[in-house]
């Protein structure tokens, strides 16, 4: 959460943010959803973070509601236990994000 707040406060977008294997969890996904929604990250890698269906749904909802949908081009969500709810949210993101060129959903 503190990292997301600091990045949001910086006010300039990051090209790539890789937080793989950091136990971000659903609460961290909520914080990162705001970064994505504000267009502050172009590539976000979150494999092995235990997001679960709830965290994934919130993160992906933030991406769908992005103020700058052209900024998010890569999203890595492998090994997060997304389940059906997270998978459905990922499907909705595909139609709402024209710039998204890579969505990694392996082993969910």
C-alpha atoms as a PDB file:
ATOM      1  CA  UNK A   1       0.000   0.000   0.000  1.00  0.00           C
ATOM      2  CA  UNK A   2       2.784   2.439   0.902  1.00  0.00           C
ATOM      3  CA  UNK A   3       4.569   1.773  -2.373  1.00  0.00           C
ATOM      4  CA  UNK A   4       1.369   2.412  -4.335  1.00  0.00           C
ATOM      5  CA  UNK A   5       0.811   5.657  -2.423  1.00  0.00           C
ATOM      6  CA  UNK A   6       4.383   6.811  -3.100  1.00  0.00           C
ATOM      7  CA  UNK A   7       4.109   6.028  -6.803  1.00  0.00           C
ATOM      8  CA  UNK A   8       0.774   7.814  -7.048  1.00  0.00           C
ATOM      9  CA  UNK A   9       2.288  10.829  -5.292  1.00  0.00           C
ATOM     10  CA  UNK A  10       5.163  10.963  -7.777  1.00  0.00           C
ATOM     11  CA  UNK A  11       2.649  11.834 -10.482  1.00  0.00           C
ATOM     12  CA  UNK A  12       4.551  10.359 -13.405  1.00  0.00           C
ATOM     13  CA  UNK A  13       3.926   6.954 -14.950  1.00  0.00           C
ATOM     14  CA  UNK A  14       6.311   4.016 -14.683  1.00  0.00           C
ATOM     15  CA  UNK A  15       7.161   2.033 -17.761  1.00  0.00           C
ATOM     16  CA  UNK A  16       7.356  -1.286 -15.839  1.00  0.00           C
ATOM     17  CA  UNK A  17       6.665  -2.394 -12.288  1.00  0.00           C
ATOM     18  CA  UNK A  18       7.541  -5.969 -11.310  1.00  0.00           C
ATOM     19  CA  UNK A  19       6.348  -7.039  -7.869  1.00  0.00           C
ATOM     20  CA  UNK A  20       6.489 -10.788  -8.494  1.00  0.00           C
ATOM     21  CA  UNK A  21       6.634 -13.057  -5.437  1.00  0.00           C
ATOM     22  CA  UNK A  22       6.011 -10.286  -2.900  1.00  0.00           C
ATOM     23  CA  UNK A  23       2.840 -11.525  -1.184  1.00  0.00           C
ATOM     24  CA  UNK A  24       0.872  -8.535  -2.417  1.00  0.00           C
ATOM     25  CA  UNK A  25      -2.447 -10.263  -1.660  1.00  0.00           C
ATOM     26  CA  UNK A  26      -5.932  -8.798  -2.109  1.00  0.00           C
ATOM     27  CA  UNK A  27      -5.212  -5.657  -0.056  1.00  0.00           C
ATOM     28  CA  UNK A  28      -2.176  -4.812  -2.158  1.00  0.00           C
ATOM     29  CA  UNK A  29      -4.167  -5.489  -5.313  1.00  0.00           C
ATOM     30  CA  UNK A  30      -6.689  -2.858  -4.214  1.00  0.00           C
ATOM     31  CA  UNK A  31      -3.889  -0.311  -3.806  1.00  0.00           C
ATOM     32  CA  UNK A  32      -2.346  -1.222  -7.157  1.00  0.00           C
ATOM     33  CA  UNK A  33      -5.751  -0.932  -8.816  1.00  0.00           C
ATOM     34  CA  UNK A  34      -5.613   2.804  -8.149  1.00  0.00           C
ATOM     35  CA  UNK A  35      -2.225   3.071  -9.883  1.00  0.00           C
ATOM     36  CA  UNK A  36      -3.557   1.236 -12.899  1.00  0.00           C
ATOM     37  CA  UNK A  37      -6.748   3.281 -12.906  1.00  0.00           C
ATOM     38  CA  UNK A  38      -4.736   6.513 -12.873  1.00  0.00           C
ATOM     39  CA  UNK A  39      -2.560   5.293 -15.755  1.00  0.00           C
ATOM     40  CA  UNK A  40       0.609   5.315 -13.666  1.00  0.00           C
ATOM     41  CA  UNK A  41       2.022   1.989 -14.861  1.00  0.00           C
ATOM     42  CA  UNK A  42       2.485   0.616 -18.382  1.00  0.00           C
ATOM     43  CA  UNK A  43       3.578  -2.937 -17.574  1.00  0.00           C
ATOM     44  CA  UNK A  44       2.610  -4.616 -14.314  1.00  0.00           C
ATOM     45  CA  UNK A  45       3.961  -8.029 -13.349  1.00  0.00           C
ATOM     46  CA  UNK A  46       2.344  -9.652 -10.308  1.00  0.00           C
ATOM     47  CA  UNK A  47       2.984 -13.403 -10.628  1.00  0.00           C
ATOM     48  CA  UNK A  48       2.948 -15.490  -7.420  1.00  0.00           C
ATOM     49  CA  UNK A  49       1.309 -12.888  -5.198  1.00  0.00           C
ATOM     50  CA  UNK A  50      -1.761 -14.637  -3.806  1.00  0.00           C
ATOM     51  CA  UNK A  51      -4.184 -12.101  -5.256  1.00  0.00           C
ATOM     52  CA  UNK A  52      -7.037 -14.586  -5.303  1.00  0.00           C
ATOM     53  CA  UNK A  53     -10.386 -13.940  -6.956  1.00  0.00           C
ATOM     54  CA  UNK A  54     -11.146 -10.851  -4.859  1.00  0.00           C
ATOM     55  CA  UNK A  55      -7.805  -9.108  -5.421  1.00  0.00           C
ATOM     56  CA  UNK A  56      -7.797  -9.930  -9.113  1.00  0.00           C
ATOM     57  CA  UNK A  57     -11.348  -8.643  -9.567  1.00  0.00           C
ATOM     58  CA  UNK A  58     -10.468  -5.341  -7.878  1.00  0.00           C
ATOM     59  CA  UNK A  59      -7.234  -4.913  -9.819  1.00  0.00           C
ATOM     60  CA  UNK A  60      -8.925  -5.697 -13.117  1.00  0.00           C
ATOM     61  CA  UNK A  61     -11.864  -3.399 -12.315  1.00  0.00           C
ATOM     62  CA  UNK A  62      -9.341  -0.600 -11.802  1.00  0.00           C
ATOM     63  CA  UNK A  63      -7.791  -1.409 -15.156  1.00  0.00           C
ATOM     64  CA  UNK A  64     -11.196  -1.375 -16.886  1.00  0.00           C
ATOM     65  CA  UNK A  65     -11.947   2.041 -15.386  1.00  0.00           C
ATOM     66  CA  UNK A  66      -8.532   3.470 -16.333  1.00  0.00           C
ATOM     67  CA  UNK A  67      -8.369   7.168 -17.084  1.00  0.00           C
ATOM     68  CA  UNK A  68      -5.666   6.415 -19.676  1.00  0.00           C
ATOM     69  CA  UNK A  69      -6.507   2.947 -21.056  1.00  0.00           C
ATOM     70  CA  UNK A  70      -3.760   3.250 -23.644  1.00  0.00           C
ATOM     71  CA  UNK A  71      -1.042   3.081 -20.966  1.00  0.00           C
ATOM     72  CA  UNK A  72      -1.473  -0.470 -19.652  1.00  0.00           C
ATOM     73  CA  UNK A  73       0.089  -2.749 -22.241  1.00  0.00           C
ATOM     74  CA  UNK A  74       1.298  -5.759 -20.217  1.00  0.00           C
ATOM     75  CA  UNK A  75      -0.302  -7.414 -17.199  1.00  0.00           C
ATOM     76  CA  UNK A  76       1.138 -10.544 -15.617  1.00  0.00           C
ATOM     77  CA  UNK A  77      -1.134 -12.402 -13.197  1.00  0.00           C
ATOM     78  CA  UNK A  78       0.235 -15.958 -13.374  1.00  0.00           C
ATOM     79  CA  UNK A  79       0.015 -18.205 -10.289  1.00  0.00           C
ATOM     80  CA  UNK A  80      -2.449 -16.079  -8.316  1.00  0.00           C
ATOM     81  CA  UNK A  81      -5.434 -18.384  -7.816  1.00  0.00           C
ATOM     82  CA  UNK A  82      -7.769 -16.108  -9.769  1.00  0.00           C
ATOM     83  CA  UNK A  83     -10.584 -18.627 -10.036  1.00  0.00           C
ATOM     84  CA  UNK A  84     -13.700 -18.098 -12.109  1.00  0.00           C
ATOM     85  CA  UNK A  85     -14.340 -14.598 -10.785  1.00  0.00           C
ATOM     86  CA  UNK A  86     -10.840 -13.384 -11.638  1.00  0.00           C
ATOM     87  CA  UNK A  87     -10.977 -15.110 -15.015  1.00  0.00           C
ATOM     88  CA  UNK A  88     -14.262 -13.403 -15.866  1.00  0.00           C
ATOM     89  CA  UNK A  89     -12.804 -10.032 -14.844  1.00  0.00           C
ATOM     90  CA  UNK A  90      -9.787 -10.687 -17.081  1.00  0.00           C
ATOM     91  CA  UNK A  91     -12.111 -11.406 -19.995  1.00  0.00           C
ATOM     92  CA  UNK A  92     -13.908  -8.106 -19.448  1.00  0.00           C
ATOM     93  CA  UNK A  93     -10.567  -6.295 -19.400  1.00  0.00           C
ATOM     94  CA  UNK A  94      -9.647  -7.628 -22.835  1.00  0.00           C
ATOM     95  CA  UNK A  95     -12.572  -5.849 -24.475  1.00  0.00           C
ATOM     96  CA  UNK A  96     -12.065  -2.621 -22.489  1.00  0.00           C
ATOM     97  CA  UNK A  97      -8.301  -2.163 -22.943  1.00  0.00           C
ATOM     98  CA  UNK A  98      -7.275  -1.700 -26.565  1.00  0.00           C
ATOM     99  CA  UNK A  99      -3.582  -1.198 -25.717  1.00  0.00           C
ATOM    100  CA  UNK A 100      -3.249  -4.420 -23.725  1.00  0.00           C
ATOM    101  CA  UNK A 101      -0.942  -6.617 -25.773  1.00  0.00           C
ATOM    102  CA  UNK A 102      -0.010  -9.221 -23.157  1.00  0.00           C
ATOM    103  CA  UNK A 103      -2.112 -10.766 -20.386  1.00  0.00           C
ATOM    104  CA  UNK A 104      -0.474 -13.685 -18.572  1.00  0.00           C
ATOM    105  CA  UNK A 105      -2.960 -15.901 -16.743  1.00  0.00           C
ATOM    106  CA  UNK A 106      -0.916 -19.097 -16.487  1.00  0.00           C
ATOM    107  CA  UNK A 107      -1.697 -21.569 -13.712  1.00  0.00           C
ATOM    108  CA  UNK A 108      -4.756 -19.947 -12.265  1.00  0.00           C
END
